[in-house]
């Protein structure tokens, strides 16, 4: 996520590219977060 933010800061001319990079990286972050949460929860329920 920080790489997309850095590219948004460096590419001042490409504001459109920056606007599209940030939401996509946020979605990827949320997907990874919830995927980890559900897989971790699944492992806990399997152990019981």
PDB file of N, CA and C in Angstrom:
ATOM      1  N   UNK A   1       0.826  -1.187   0.000  1.00  0.00           N
ATOM      2  CA  UNK A   1       0.000   0.000   0.000  1.00  0.00           C
ATOM      3  C   UNK A   1       0.866   1.245   0.000  1.00  0.00           C
ATOM      4  N   UNK A   2       1.998   1.204   0.685  1.00  0.00           N
ATOM      5  CA  UNK A   2       2.870   2.371   0.724  1.00  0.00           C
ATOM      6  C   UNK A   2       3.499   2.624  -0.639  1.00  0.00           C
ATOM      7  N   UNK A   3       3.733   1.566  -1.433  1.00  0.00           N
ATOM      8  CA  UNK A   3       4.324   1.763  -2.759  1.00  0.00           C
ATOM      9  C   UNK A   3       3.375   2.533  -3.659  1.00  0.00           C
ATOM     10  N   UNK A   4       2.076   2.249  -3.570  1.00  0.00           N
ATOM     11  CA  UNK A   4       1.099   2.985  -4.372  1.00  0.00           C
ATOM     12  C   UNK A   4       1.048   4.437  -3.927  1.00  0.00           C
ATOM     13  N   UNK A   5       1.164   4.674  -2.633  1.00  0.00           N
ATOM     14  CA  UNK A   5       1.144   6.048  -2.122  1.00  0.00           C
ATOM     15  C   UNK A   5       2.390   6.789  -2.588  1.00  0.00           C
ATOM     16  N   UNK A   6       3.541   6.115  -2.587  1.00  0.00           N
ATOM     17  CA  UNK A   6       4.772   6.747  -3.053  1.00  0.00           C
ATOM     18  C   UNK A   6       4.695   7.064  -4.535  1.00  0.00           C
ATOM     19  N   UNK A   7       4.139   6.164  -5.335  1.00  0.00           N
ATOM     20  CA  UNK A   7       4.012   6.423  -6.766  1.00  0.00           C
ATOM     21  C   UNK A   7       3.047   7.570  -7.003  1.00  0.00           C
ATOM     22  N   UNK A   8       2.043   7.702  -6.141  1.00  0.00           N
ATOM     23  CA  UNK A   8       1.094   8.807  -6.281  1.00  0.00           C
ATOM     24  C   UNK A   8       1.787  10.125  -5.982  1.00  0.00           C
ATOM     25  N   UNK A   9       2.730  10.113  -5.039  1.00  0.00           N
ATOM     26  CA  UNK A   9       3.433  11.350  -4.705  1.00  0.00           C
ATOM     27  C   UNK A   9       4.454  11.709  -5.774  1.00  0.00           C
ATOM     28  N   UNK A  10       5.120  10.720  -6.339  1.00  0.00           N
ATOM     29  CA  UNK A  10       6.166  11.008  -7.320  1.00  0.00           C
ATOM     30  C   UNK A  10       5.584  11.364  -8.678  1.00  0.00           C
ATOM     31  N   UNK A  11       4.510  10.704  -9.075  1.00  0.00           N
ATOM     32  CA  UNK A  11       3.904  10.990 -10.381  1.00  0.00           C
ATOM     33  C   UNK A  11       2.844  12.076 -10.244  1.00  0.00           C
ATOM     34  N   UNK A  12       3.302  13.315 -10.081  1.00  0.00           N
ATOM     35  CA  UNK A  12       2.347  14.407  -9.926  1.00  0.00           C
ATOM     36  C   UNK A  12       1.597  14.672 -11.220  1.00  0.00           C
ATOM     37  N   UNK A  13       2.211  14.375 -12.366  1.00  0.00           N
ATOM     38  CA  UNK A  13       1.556  14.611 -13.651  1.00  0.00           C
ATOM     39  C   UNK A  13       0.425  13.618 -13.874  1.00  0.00           C
ATOM     40  N   UNK A  14       0.576  12.409 -13.361  1.00  0.00           N
ATOM     41  CA  UNK A  14      -0.425  11.364 -13.605  1.00  0.00           C
ATOM     42  C   UNK A  14      -1.364  11.255 -12.414  1.00  0.00           C
ATOM     43  N   UNK A  15      -2.215  12.252 -12.243  1.00  0.00           N
ATOM     44  CA  UNK A  15      -3.137  12.221 -11.110  1.00  0.00           C
ATOM     45  C   UNK A  15      -4.190  11.142 -11.297  1.00  0.00           C
ATOM     46  N   UNK A  16      -4.597  10.890 -12.535  1.00  0.00           N
ATOM     47  CA  UNK A  16      -5.579   9.832 -12.796  1.00  0.00           C
ATOM     48  C   UNK A  16      -5.017   8.479 -12.384  1.00  0.00           C
ATOM     49  N   UNK A  17      -3.769   8.240 -12.747  1.00  0.00           N
ATOM     50  CA  UNK A  17      -3.144   6.965 -12.390  1.00  0.00           C
ATOM     51  C   UNK A  17      -3.083   6.829 -10.867  1.00  0.00           C
ATOM     52  N   UNK A  18      -2.753   7.917 -10.195  1.00  0.00           N
ATOM     53  CA  UNK A  18      -2.664   7.886  -8.738  1.00  0.00           C
ATOM     54  C   UNK A  18      -4.035   7.632  -8.125  1.00  0.00           C
ATOM     55  N   UNK A  19      -5.069   8.251  -8.681  1.00  0.00           N
ATOM     56  CA  UNK A  19      -6.412   8.063  -8.137  1.00  0.00           C
ATOM     57  C   UNK A  19      -6.873   6.618  -8.285  1.00  0.00           C
ATOM     58  N   UNK A  20      -6.449   5.959  -9.354  1.00  0.00           N
ATOM     59  CA  UNK A  20      -6.864   4.568  -9.535  1.00  0.00           C
ATOM     60  C   UNK A  20      -6.002   3.605  -8.727  1.00  0.00           C
ATOM     61  N   UNK A  21      -4.736   3.958  -8.505  1.00  0.00           N
ATOM     62  CA  UNK A  21      -3.850   3.057  -7.769  1.00  0.00           C
ATOM     63  C   UNK A  21      -4.246   2.956  -6.300  1.00  0.00           C
ATOM     64  N   UNK A  22      -4.626   4.067  -5.696  1.00  0.00           N
ATOM     65  CA  UNK A  22      -4.887   4.063  -4.261  1.00  0.00           C
ATOM     66  C   UNK A  22      -6.116   3.217  -3.890  1.00  0.00           C
ATOM     67  N   UNK A  23      -7.287   3.382  -4.561  1.00  0.00           N
ATOM     68  CA  UNK A  23      -8.430   2.531  -4.199  1.00  0.00           C
ATOM     69  C   UNK A  23      -8.168   1.045  -4.439  1.00  0.00           C
ATOM     70  N   UNK A  24      -7.455   0.704  -5.509  1.00  0.00           N
ATOM     71  CA  UNK A  24      -7.165  -0.704  -5.795  1.00  0.00           C
ATOM     72  C   UNK A  24      -6.287  -1.288  -4.688  1.00  0.00           C
ATOM     73  N   UNK A  25      -5.289  -0.534  -4.245  1.00  0.00           N
ATOM     74  CA  UNK A  25      -4.420  -1.040  -3.190  1.00  0.00           C
ATOM     75  C   UNK A  25      -5.187  -1.174  -1.880  1.00  0.00           C
ATOM     76  N   UNK A  26      -6.133  -0.268  -1.634  1.00  0.00           N
ATOM     77  CA  UNK A  26      -6.957  -0.368  -0.425  1.00  0.00           C
ATOM     78  C   UNK A  26      -7.825  -1.621  -0.481  1.00  0.00           C
ATOM     79  N   UNK A  27      -8.397  -1.898  -1.659  1.00  0.00           N
ATOM     80  CA  UNK A  27      -9.214  -3.102  -1.805  1.00  0.00           C
ATOM     81  C   UNK A  27      -8.365  -4.347  -1.603  1.00  0.00           C
ATOM     82  N   UNK A  28      -7.157  -4.349  -2.169  1.00  0.00           N
ATOM     83  CA  UNK A  28      -6.269  -5.502  -1.992  1.00  0.00           C
ATOM     84  C   UNK A  28      -5.925  -5.680  -0.522  1.00  0.00           C
ATOM     85  N   UNK A  29      -5.689  -4.562   0.176  1.00  0.00           N
ATOM     86  CA  UNK A  29      -5.357  -4.630   1.599  1.00  0.00           C
ATOM     87  C   UNK A  29      -6.519  -5.212   2.398  1.00  0.00           C
ATOM     88  N   UNK A  30      -7.734  -4.735   2.110  1.00  0.00           N
ATOM     89  CA  UNK A  30      -8.906  -5.238   2.829  1.00  0.00           C
ATOM     90  C   UNK A  30      -9.136  -6.712   2.530  1.00  0.00           C
ATOM     91  N   UNK A  31      -8.979  -7.102   1.268  1.00  0.00           N
ATOM     92  CA  UNK A  31      -9.170  -8.511   0.899  1.00  0.00           C
ATOM     93  C   UNK A  31      -8.162  -9.389   1.622  1.00  0.00           C
ATOM     94  N   UNK A  32      -6.909  -8.957   1.660  1.00  0.00           N
ATOM     95  CA  UNK A  32      -5.875  -9.739   2.330  1.00  0.00           C
ATOM     96  C   UNK A  32      -6.158  -9.820   3.827  1.00  0.00           C
ATOM     97  N   UNK A  33      -6.618  -8.711   4.393  1.00  0.00           N
ATOM     98  CA  UNK A  33      -6.901  -8.667   5.822  1.00  0.00           C
ATOM     99  C   UNK A  33      -8.020  -9.641   6.175  1.00  0.00           C
ATOM    100  N   UNK A  34      -9.119  -9.598   5.405  1.00  0.00           N
ATOM    101  CA  UNK A  34     -10.247 -10.474   5.724  1.00  0.00           C
ATOM    102  C   UNK A  34      -9.948 -11.925   5.376  1.00  0.00           C
ATOM    103  N   UNK A  35      -9.164 -12.155   4.328  1.00  0.00           N
ATOM    104  CA  UNK A  35      -8.783 -13.527   3.992  1.00  0.00           C
ATOM    105  C   UNK A  35      -7.959 -14.128   5.120  1.00  0.00           C
ATOM    106  N   UNK A  36      -7.021 -13.348   5.659  1.00  0.00           N
ATOM    107  CA  UNK A  36      -6.205 -13.822   6.775  1.00  0.00           C
ATOM    108  C   UNK A  36      -7.078 -14.068   8.001  1.00  0.00           C
ATOM    109  N   UNK A  37      -8.022 -13.162   8.253  1.00  0.00           N
ATOM    110  CA  UNK A  37      -8.901 -13.297   9.420  1.00  0.00           C
ATOM    111  C   UNK A  37      -9.728 -14.574   9.339  1.00  0.00           C
ATOM    112  N   UNK A  38     -10.332 -14.820   8.170  1.00  0.00           N
ATOM    113  CA  UNK A  38     -11.191 -15.994   8.033  1.00  0.00           C
ATOM    114  C   UNK A  38     -10.373 -17.286   8.036  1.00  0.00           C
ATOM    115  N   UNK A  39      -9.198 -17.271   7.411  1.00  0.00           N
ATOM    116  CA  UNK A  39      -8.384 -18.487   7.412  1.00  0.00           C
ATOM    117  C   UNK A  39      -7.881 -18.774   8.824  1.00  0.00           C
ATOM    118  N   UNK A  40      -7.527 -17.725   9.557  1.00  0.00           N
ATOM    119  CA  UNK A  40      -7.054 -17.894  10.930  1.00  0.00           C
ATOM    120  C   UNK A  40      -8.191 -18.398  11.820  1.00  0.00           C
ATOM    121  N   UNK A  41      -9.394 -17.863  11.610  1.00  0.00           N
ATOM    122  CA  UNK A  41     -10.548 -18.301  12.384  1.00  0.00           C
ATOM    123  C   UNK A  41     -10.886 -19.750  12.056  1.00  0.00           C
ATOM    124  N   UNK A  42     -10.729 -20.112  10.785  1.00  0.00           N
ATOM    125  CA  UNK A  42     -10.994 -21.483  10.381  1.00  0.00           C
ATOM    126  C   UNK A  42     -10.031 -22.459  11.036  1.00  0.00           C
ATOM    127  N   UNK A  43      -8.769 -22.060  11.167  1.00  0.00           N
ATOM    128  CA  UNK A  43      -7.790 -22.921  11.815  1.00  0.00           C
ATOM    129  C   UNK A  43      -8.133 -23.102  13.285  1.00  0.00           C
ATOM    130  N   UNK A  44      -8.595 -22.043  13.929  1.00  0.00           N
ATOM    131  CA  UNK A  44      -8.945 -22.146  15.348  1.00  0.00           C
ATOM    132  C   UNK A  44     -10.120 -23.096  15.549  1.00  0.00           C
ATOM    133  N   UNK A  45     -11.142 -23.022  14.684  1.00  0.00           N
ATOM    134  CA  UNK A  45     -12.309 -23.888  14.854  1.00  0.00           C
ATOM    135  C   UNK A  45     -11.957 -25.341  14.549  1.00  0.00           C
ATOM    136  N   UNK A  46     -10.994 -25.569  13.664  1.00  0.00           N
ATOM    137  CA  UNK A  46     -10.606 -26.944  13.345  1.00  0.00           C
ATOM    138  C   UNK A  46      -9.879 -27.594  14.517  1.00  0.00           C
ATOM    139  N   UNK A  47      -9.134 -26.802  15.285  1.00  0.00           N
ATOM    140  CA  UNK A  47      -8.377 -27.365  16.402  1.00  0.00           C
ATOM    141  C   UNK A  47      -9.290 -27.820  17.539  1.00  0.00           C
ATOM    142  N   UNK A  48     -10.443 -27.185  17.675  1.00  0.00           N
ATOM    143  CA  UNK A  48     -11.317 -27.485  18.819  1.00  0.00           C
ATOM    144  C   UNK A  48     -11.967 -28.854  18.675  1.00  0.00           C
TER     145      UNK A  48
END
